[in-house]
Amino acid sequence: MKACLECGEKIVGREDKKFCSDCCRNAYNNKMNKDSTNFMRNINNKLRKNYRILSELNADGKGKTSRDKLLSKGFDFDFFTNILRTKTGNTYYFLYDQGYRLLENDYYMLVKKEI
């Protein structure tokens, strides 16, 4: 007999089953996937906030906004997931599929990467 990975109870059912119930499966996965430190949790929260701001301002997939507008919504320019440098020398900063590029006069072009 196999034991549940979460609570240790005997498992009844399929041979490849790892948990005795959905409750134990969810509890186990929540423990495994939670941010292990406050540092990681804080960074992930900043990334999520930046992503929400870009998604809100870039509903059409392409747009333009000012630095002041981004800052007023709480955008933190220090946190992004990757950088894309084009052949023409433009630099885009991305938060997952939402990106931005600095234009002149403190304006930013907003883009959405097609996945």
N, C-alpha and C. Protein backbone atom coordinates (compact mmCIF):
# COMPACT_ATOMS: atom_id res chain seq x y z
N MET A 1 0.83 -1.20 0.00
CA MET A 1 0.00 0.00 0.00
C MET A 1 0.88 1.26 0.00
N LYS A 2 0.49 2.22 -0.80
CA LYS A 2 1.19 3.49 -0.84
C LYS A 2 0.56 4.44 0.17
N ALA A 3 1.38 5.39 0.64
CA ALA A 3 0.90 6.39 1.59
C ALA A 3 0.81 7.75 0.90
N CYS A 4 -0.18 8.54 1.31
CA CYS A 4 -0.39 9.89 0.79
C CYS A 4 0.84 10.74 1.09
N LEU A 5 1.32 11.49 0.09
CA LEU A 5 2.50 12.35 0.28
C LEU A 5 2.26 13.48 1.27
N GLU A 6 1.01 13.85 1.48
CA GLU A 6 0.69 14.96 2.38
C GLU A 6 0.43 14.48 3.81
N CYS A 7 -0.48 13.54 3.99
CA CYS A 7 -0.90 13.18 5.34
C CYS A 7 -0.44 11.80 5.80
N GLY A 8 0.04 10.97 4.87
CA GLY A 8 0.53 9.65 5.23
C GLY A 8 -0.53 8.56 5.28
N GLU A 9 -1.80 8.90 5.03
CA GLU A 9 -2.88 7.90 5.01
C GLU A 9 -2.69 6.93 3.85
N LYS A 10 -3.28 5.75 3.99
CA LYS A 10 -3.23 4.77 2.91
C LYS A 10 -4.03 5.29 1.71
N ILE A 11 -3.51 5.02 0.52
CA ILE A 11 -4.16 5.45 -0.72
C ILE A 11 -4.94 4.29 -1.30
N VAL A 12 -6.20 4.55 -1.62
CA VAL A 12 -7.05 3.57 -2.26
C VAL A 12 -7.36 4.07 -3.67
N GLY A 13 -7.23 3.20 -4.65
CA GLY A 13 -7.55 3.62 -6.01
C GLY A 13 -6.46 3.23 -6.98
N ARG A 14 -6.25 4.08 -7.97
CA ARG A 14 -5.28 3.80 -9.03
C ARG A 14 -3.88 3.55 -8.46
N GLU A 15 -3.13 2.80 -9.20
CA GLU A 15 -1.78 2.43 -8.79
C GLU A 15 -0.84 3.63 -8.74
N ASP A 16 -1.03 4.60 -9.64
CA ASP A 16 -0.12 5.74 -9.73
C ASP A 16 -0.58 6.94 -8.89
N LYS A 17 -1.62 6.77 -8.09
CA LYS A 17 -2.16 7.85 -7.27
C LYS A 17 -1.16 8.21 -6.17
N LYS A 18 -1.01 9.52 -5.88
CA LYS A 18 -0.04 9.98 -4.89
C LYS A 18 -0.69 10.58 -3.64
N PHE A 19 -1.97 10.92 -3.75
CA PHE A 19 -2.66 11.59 -2.64
C PHE A 19 -3.97 10.89 -2.35
N CYS A 20 -4.42 10.96 -1.09
CA CYS A 20 -5.66 10.31 -0.71
C CYS A 20 -6.89 11.13 -1.08
N SER A 21 -6.70 12.45 -1.29
CA SER A 21 -7.85 13.30 -1.63
C SER A 21 -7.37 14.56 -2.36
N ASP A 22 -8.33 15.27 -2.94
CA ASP A 22 -8.01 16.55 -3.59
C ASP A 22 -7.49 17.55 -2.57
N CYS A 23 -8.03 17.49 -1.37
CA CYS A 23 -7.58 18.41 -0.31
C CYS A 23 -6.09 18.22 -0.02
N CYS A 24 -5.65 16.98 0.12
CA CYS A 24 -4.23 16.71 0.37
C CYS A 24 -3.37 17.10 -0.83
N ARG A 25 -3.87 16.81 -2.04
CA ARG A 25 -3.12 17.19 -3.25
C ARG A 25 -2.92 18.70 -3.31
N ASN A 26 -3.99 19.46 -3.04
CA ASN A 26 -3.90 20.91 -3.06
C ASN A 26 -2.97 21.43 -1.97
N ALA A 27 -3.08 20.90 -0.77
CA ALA A 27 -2.23 21.34 0.34
C ALA A 27 -0.76 21.08 0.03
N TYR A 28 -0.46 19.90 -0.51
CA TYR A 28 0.91 19.54 -0.86
C TYR A 28 1.47 20.49 -1.93
N ASN A 29 0.69 20.71 -3.00
CA ASN A 29 1.16 21.57 -4.08
C ASN A 29 1.29 23.02 -3.65
N ASN A 30 0.40 23.49 -2.79
CA ASN A 30 0.52 24.85 -2.27
C ASN A 30 1.81 25.01 -1.47
N LYS A 31 2.16 24.01 -0.67
CA LYS A 31 3.41 24.08 0.11
C LYS A 31 4.62 24.07 -0.82
N MET A 32 4.56 23.24 -1.85
CA MET A 32 5.71 23.11 -2.76
C MET A 32 5.90 24.37 -3.62
N ASN A 33 4.81 25.06 -3.94
CA ASN A 33 4.90 26.18 -4.87
C ASN A 33 4.91 27.55 -4.22
N LYS A 34 4.82 27.61 -2.91
CA LYS A 34 4.81 28.93 -2.27
C LYS A 34 6.20 29.55 -2.34
N ASP A 35 6.24 30.85 -2.29
CA ASP A 35 7.53 31.54 -2.31
C ASP A 35 8.25 31.23 -1.00
N SER A 36 9.49 30.77 -1.13
CA SER A 36 10.18 30.26 0.04
C SER A 36 10.70 31.34 0.99
N THR A 37 10.87 32.54 0.49
CA THR A 37 11.37 33.59 1.36
C THR A 37 10.61 34.89 1.12
N ASN A 38 10.68 35.79 2.09
CA ASN A 38 10.06 37.10 1.93
C ASN A 38 10.66 37.84 0.74
N PHE A 39 11.96 37.67 0.52
CA PHE A 39 12.64 38.33 -0.59
C PHE A 39 12.01 37.92 -1.92
N MET A 40 11.84 36.61 -2.13
CA MET A 40 11.21 36.12 -3.37
C MET A 40 9.77 36.59 -3.47
N ARG A 41 9.04 36.53 -2.39
CA ARG A 41 7.64 36.94 -2.38
C ARG A 41 7.52 38.42 -2.76
N ASN A 42 8.40 39.26 -2.20
CA ASN A 42 8.36 40.69 -2.50
C ASN A 42 8.67 40.97 -3.97
N ILE A 43 9.65 40.29 -4.52
CA ILE A 43 9.99 40.47 -5.94
C ILE A 43 8.83 40.01 -6.82
N ASN A 44 8.27 38.85 -6.53
CA ASN A 44 7.15 38.35 -7.32
C ASN A 44 5.95 39.28 -7.24
N ASN A 45 5.71 39.88 -6.08
CA ASN A 45 4.62 40.84 -5.94
C ASN A 45 4.87 42.08 -6.80
N LYS A 46 6.11 42.56 -6.84
CA LYS A 46 6.44 43.72 -7.67
C LYS A 46 6.28 43.40 -9.16
N LEU A 47 6.70 42.21 -9.56
CA LEU A 47 6.54 41.79 -10.95
C LEU A 47 5.06 41.71 -11.33
N ARG A 48 4.25 41.13 -10.44
CA ARG A 48 2.81 41.02 -10.70
C ARG A 48 2.17 42.41 -10.79
N LYS A 49 2.57 43.32 -9.90
CA LYS A 49 2.01 44.67 -9.92
C LYS A 49 2.37 45.38 -11.23
N ASN A 50 3.65 45.31 -11.62
CA ASN A 50 4.07 45.92 -12.88
C ASN A 50 3.31 45.33 -14.06
N TYR A 51 3.11 44.01 -14.05
CA TYR A 51 2.38 43.35 -15.13
C TYR A 51 0.94 43.85 -15.19
N ARG A 52 0.29 43.95 -14.05
CA ARG A 52 -1.10 44.44 -14.03
C ARG A 52 -1.19 45.86 -14.57
N ILE A 53 -0.23 46.70 -14.21
CA ILE A 53 -0.23 48.09 -14.68
C ILE A 53 -0.09 48.14 -16.20
N LEU A 54 0.89 47.39 -16.73
CA LEU A 54 1.09 47.38 -18.19
C LEU A 54 -0.14 46.80 -18.90
N SER A 55 -0.73 45.75 -18.36
CA SER A 55 -1.91 45.14 -18.98
C SER A 55 -3.07 46.12 -19.01
N GLU A 56 -3.23 46.87 -17.95
CA GLU A 56 -4.32 47.86 -17.88
C GLU A 56 -4.12 48.98 -18.89
N LEU A 57 -2.89 49.47 -19.01
CA LEU A 57 -2.60 50.58 -19.92
C LEU A 57 -2.47 50.13 -21.37
N ASN A 58 -2.28 48.83 -21.58
CA ASN A 58 -2.00 48.31 -22.92
C ASN A 58 -3.07 47.29 -23.33
N ALA A 59 -4.31 47.64 -23.13
CA ALA A 59 -5.42 46.71 -23.41
C ALA A 59 -5.50 46.33 -24.89
N ASP A 60 -5.08 47.22 -25.78
CA ASP A 60 -5.16 46.95 -27.22
C ASP A 60 -3.94 46.23 -27.78
N GLY A 61 -2.92 46.02 -26.96
CA GLY A 61 -1.72 45.32 -27.42
C GLY A 61 -0.63 46.23 -27.94
N LYS A 62 -0.94 47.51 -28.11
CA LYS A 62 0.06 48.48 -28.53
C LYS A 62 -0.44 49.85 -28.12
N GLY A 63 0.42 50.63 -27.47
CA GLY A 63 0.00 51.94 -27.01
C GLY A 63 1.17 52.80 -26.61
N LYS A 64 0.85 53.90 -25.98
CA LYS A 64 1.85 54.87 -25.57
C LYS A 64 1.40 55.48 -24.24
N THR A 65 2.35 55.70 -23.34
CA THR A 65 2.03 56.32 -22.06
C THR A 65 3.24 57.09 -21.56
N SER A 66 3.00 57.90 -20.55
CA SER A 66 4.09 58.71 -20.00
C SER A 66 4.70 58.04 -18.77
N ARG A 67 5.92 58.43 -18.48
CA ARG A 67 6.60 57.94 -17.28
C ARG A 67 5.81 58.33 -16.04
N ASP A 68 5.29 59.57 -16.01
CA ASP A 68 4.52 60.03 -14.86
C ASP A 68 3.30 59.16 -14.61
N LYS A 69 2.62 58.75 -15.67
CA LYS A 69 1.42 57.92 -15.52
C LYS A 69 1.79 56.56 -14.94
N LEU A 70 2.88 55.98 -15.44
CA LEU A 70 3.34 54.70 -14.91
C LEU A 70 3.71 54.83 -13.43
N LEU A 71 4.46 55.87 -13.10
CA LEU A 71 4.87 56.06 -11.71
C LEU A 71 3.68 56.33 -10.80
N SER A 72 2.70 57.07 -11.28
CA SER A 72 1.53 57.38 -10.44
C SER A 72 0.72 56.12 -10.11
N LYS A 73 0.82 55.09 -10.96
CA LYS A 73 0.12 53.83 -10.71
C LYS A 73 0.96 52.88 -9.87
N GLY A 74 2.22 53.28 -9.57
CA GLY A 74 3.08 52.45 -8.73
C GLY A 74 4.04 51.56 -9.49
N PHE A 75 4.25 51.83 -10.77
CA PHE A 75 5.16 51.02 -11.59
C PHE A 75 6.59 51.19 -11.08
N ASP A 76 7.32 50.08 -10.99
CA ASP A 76 8.72 50.10 -10.54
C ASP A 76 9.60 49.65 -11.71
N PHE A 77 10.37 50.58 -12.27
CA PHE A 77 11.18 50.31 -13.46
C PHE A 77 12.35 49.36 -13.20
N ASP A 78 12.63 49.05 -11.95
CA ASP A 78 13.72 48.14 -11.62
C ASP A 78 13.34 46.67 -11.77
N PHE A 79 12.05 46.38 -11.96
CA PHE A 79 11.60 44.99 -11.98
C PHE A 79 10.94 44.64 -13.31
N PHE A 80 11.57 43.70 -14.02
CA PHE A 80 11.07 43.19 -15.30
C PHE A 80 11.60 41.78 -15.46
N THR A 81 11.05 41.01 -16.40
CA THR A 81 11.46 39.62 -16.53
C THR A 81 12.53 39.39 -17.60
N ASN A 82 12.56 40.21 -18.64
CA ASN A 82 13.62 40.05 -19.65
C ASN A 82 13.76 41.31 -20.50
N ILE A 83 14.88 41.35 -21.21
CA ILE A 83 15.20 42.49 -22.09
C ILE A 83 15.35 41.95 -23.51
N LEU A 84 14.79 42.70 -24.47
CA LEU A 84 14.93 42.36 -25.88
C LEU A 84 15.59 43.53 -26.58
N ARG A 85 16.73 43.27 -27.21
CA ARG A 85 17.42 44.29 -28.00
C ARG A 85 17.24 43.93 -29.47
N THR A 86 16.69 44.86 -30.23
CA THR A 86 16.42 44.59 -31.64
C THR A 86 17.66 44.88 -32.48
N LYS A 87 17.62 44.46 -33.72
CA LYS A 87 18.73 44.70 -34.64
C LYS A 87 18.92 46.19 -34.90
N THR A 88 17.84 46.95 -34.76
CA THR A 88 17.92 48.40 -34.99
C THR A 88 18.42 49.15 -33.76
N GLY A 89 18.72 48.44 -32.68
CA GLY A 89 19.27 49.08 -31.48
C GLY A 89 18.25 49.49 -30.44
N ASN A 90 16.98 49.17 -30.64
CA ASN A 90 15.97 49.49 -29.64
C ASN A 90 15.99 48.46 -28.52
N THR A 91 15.74 48.91 -27.31
CA THR A 91 15.71 48.04 -26.15
C THR A 91 14.31 48.01 -25.57
N TYR A 92 13.74 46.82 -25.49
CA TYR A 92 12.42 46.61 -24.90
C TYR A 92 12.59 45.87 -23.58
N TYR A 93 11.85 46.29 -22.58
CA TYR A 93 11.82 45.63 -21.29
C TYR A 93 10.48 44.92 -21.17
N PHE A 94 10.50 43.64 -20.81
CA PHE A 94 9.28 42.85 -20.76
C PHE A 94 8.98 42.35 -19.36
N LEU A 95 7.70 42.27 -19.08
CA LEU A 95 7.16 41.54 -17.95
C LEU A 95 6.29 40.46 -18.57
N TYR A 96 6.90 39.30 -18.73
CA TYR A 96 6.26 38.19 -19.43
C TYR A 96 5.92 38.61 -20.86
N ASP A 97 4.67 38.79 -21.22
CA ASP A 97 4.34 39.15 -22.60
C ASP A 97 4.06 40.64 -22.78
N GLN A 98 4.06 41.42 -21.71
CA GLN A 98 3.82 42.87 -21.79
C GLN A 98 5.18 43.58 -21.77
N GLY A 99 5.39 44.49 -22.72
CA GLY A 99 6.67 45.16 -22.81
C GLY A 99 6.55 46.66 -22.99
N TYR A 100 7.69 47.33 -22.81
CA TYR A 100 7.73 48.77 -23.02
C TYR A 100 9.11 49.17 -23.51
N ARG A 101 9.13 50.30 -24.22
CA ARG A 101 10.39 50.84 -24.75
C ARG A 101 10.35 52.35 -24.54
N LEU A 102 11.46 52.89 -24.08
CA LEU A 102 11.58 54.33 -23.85
C LEU A 102 11.59 55.07 -25.18
N LEU A 103 10.74 56.08 -25.27
CA LEU A 103 10.74 56.98 -26.42
C LEU A 103 11.35 58.30 -25.96
N GLU A 104 11.15 59.36 -26.68
CA GLU A 104 11.68 60.65 -26.24
C GLU A 104 10.68 61.36 -25.33
N ASN A 105 11.15 62.34 -24.59
CA ASN A 105 10.34 63.16 -23.69
C ASN A 105 9.63 62.34 -22.61
N ASP A 106 10.30 61.31 -22.09
CA ASP A 106 9.76 60.47 -21.01
C ASP A 106 8.45 59.78 -21.36
N TYR A 107 8.29 59.41 -22.62
CA TYR A 107 7.14 58.60 -23.03
C TYR A 107 7.62 57.19 -23.31
N TYR A 108 6.71 56.25 -23.20
CA TYR A 108 7.01 54.85 -23.41
C TYR A 108 6.04 54.25 -24.41
N MET A 109 6.58 53.43 -25.31
CA MET A 109 5.75 52.65 -26.22
C MET A 109 5.44 51.34 -25.48
N LEU A 110 4.18 50.95 -25.48
CA LEU A 110 3.75 49.71 -24.86
C LEU A 110 3.45 48.70 -25.95
N VAL A 111 3.91 47.48 -25.76
CA VAL A 111 3.69 46.41 -26.73
C VAL A 111 3.29 45.14 -26.02
N LYS A 112 2.69 44.24 -26.76
CA LYS A 112 2.38 42.91 -26.24
C LYS A 112 2.96 41.88 -27.19
N LYS A 113 3.75 40.99 -26.65
CA LYS A 113 4.37 39.93 -27.43
C LYS A 113 3.34 38.85 -27.73
N GLU A 114 3.22 38.47 -28.97
CA GLU A 114 2.31 37.38 -29.34
C GLU A 114 2.96 36.05 -28.96
N ILE A 115 2.21 35.28 -28.25
CA ILE A 115 2.76 33.98 -27.77
C ILE A 115 2.17 32.85 -28.56
